C-alpha cells in the first residue's frame, strides 16, 4: 500500500471499531465495512483518472484543431 493509499484510511476509527467488535458478527461487519470503503476509494481514484484522461484528450484535440487551422490559413 502506498502513502497515498494510507492517507485515505482512518486507522483510529477502524481501531476503535475493532475494539468495540466483541463478537464474530461485529467483526464480520467491520470487515465488510473495510471492503466497502476500500472499493469506494478505488472507484473514486478510477473516476479521477478517467476525468484526467478525458481532459488531456480534449486539450490535445483543441490544440490539434488549432494547428490545422493555422496551417490551412498559410
Protein backbone atom coordinates (compact mmCIF):
# COMPACT_ATOMS: atom_id res chain seq x y z
CA UNK A 1 0.00 0.00 0.00
CA UNK A 2 1.41 3.40 -0.97
CA UNK A 3 1.49 6.51 1.21
CA UNK A 4 -1.37 7.92 -0.85
CA UNK A 5 -3.49 4.86 -0.03
CA UNK A 6 -2.63 5.26 3.66
CA UNK A 7 -3.98 8.81 3.63
CA UNK A 8 -7.50 7.59 2.83
CA UNK A 9 -7.64 5.12 5.72
CA UNK A 10 -8.85 6.33 9.11
CA UNK A 11 -6.82 3.97 11.27
CA UNK A 12 -8.01 5.46 14.55
CA UNK A 13 -11.64 4.94 13.56
CA UNK A 14 -11.02 1.37 12.40
CA UNK A 15 -9.05 0.57 15.54
CA UNK A 16 -11.89 1.89 17.69
CA UNK A 17 -14.43 -0.15 15.73
CA UNK A 18 -12.27 -3.24 16.15
CA UNK A 19 -12.04 -2.69 19.90
CA UNK A 20 -15.84 -2.40 20.03
CA UNK A 21 -16.35 -5.54 17.94
CA UNK A 22 -16.81 -8.01 20.75
CA UNK A 23 -18.33 -10.87 18.81
CA UNK A 24 -17.91 -12.63 15.49
CA UNK A 25 -20.81 -10.84 13.81
CA UNK A 26 -19.44 -7.41 14.76
CA UNK A 27 -16.01 -8.35 13.41
CA UNK A 28 -17.57 -9.56 10.16
CA UNK A 29 -19.47 -6.27 9.86
CA UNK A 30 -16.20 -4.40 10.35
CA UNK A 31 -14.55 -6.47 7.62
CA UNK A 32 -17.46 -5.73 5.28
CA UNK A 33 -17.14 -2.01 6.09
CA UNK A 34 -13.42 -2.04 5.30
CA UNK A 35 -14.08 -3.77 1.97
CA UNK A 36 -16.85 -1.31 1.01
CA UNK A 37 -14.78 1.73 1.90
CA UNK A 38 -11.73 0.41 0.04
CA UNK A 39 -13.88 -0.31 -3.01
CA UNK A 40 -15.32 3.21 -2.82
CA UNK A 41 -11.82 4.71 -2.62
CA UNK A 42 -10.68 2.72 -5.65
CA UNK A 43 -13.76 3.78 -7.63
CA UNK A 44 -13.13 7.44 -6.78
CA UNK A 45 -9.49 7.09 -7.87
CA UNK A 46 -10.58 5.47 -11.15
CA UNK A 47 -13.07 8.26 -11.81
CA UNK A 48 -10.41 10.90 -11.16
CA UNK A 49 -8.06 9.11 -13.54
CA UNK A 50 -10.78 8.92 -16.20
CA UNK A 51 -11.53 12.65 -15.82
CA UNK A 52 -7.84 13.50 -16.19
CA UNK A 53 -7.57 11.34 -19.31
CA UNK A 54 -10.66 12.94 -20.86
CA UNK A 55 -9.31 16.41 -20.08
CA UNK A 56 -5.95 15.57 -21.66
CA UNK A 57 -7.72 14.18 -24.73
CA UNK A 58 -9.87 17.30 -25.06
CA UNK A 59 -6.85 19.58 -24.73
CA UNK A 60 -4.99 17.56 -27.35
CA UNK A 61 -7.95 17.82 -29.73
CA UNK A 62 -8.28 21.56 -29.23
CA UNK A 63 -4.58 22.13 -29.72
CA UNK A 64 -4.57 19.82 -32.73
CA UNK A 65 -7.50 21.68 -34.34
CA UNK A 66 -5.78 24.99 -33.76
CA UNK A 67 -2.66 23.80 -35.55
CA UNK A 68 -4.66 22.56 -38.52
CA UNK A 69 -6.50 25.88 -38.79
CA UNK A 70 -3.18 27.77 -38.75
CA UNK A 71 -1.68 25.56 -41.45
CA UNK A 72 -4.79 25.96 -43.65
CA UNK A 73 -4.58 29.77 -43.40
CA UNK A 74 -0.94 29.86 -44.53
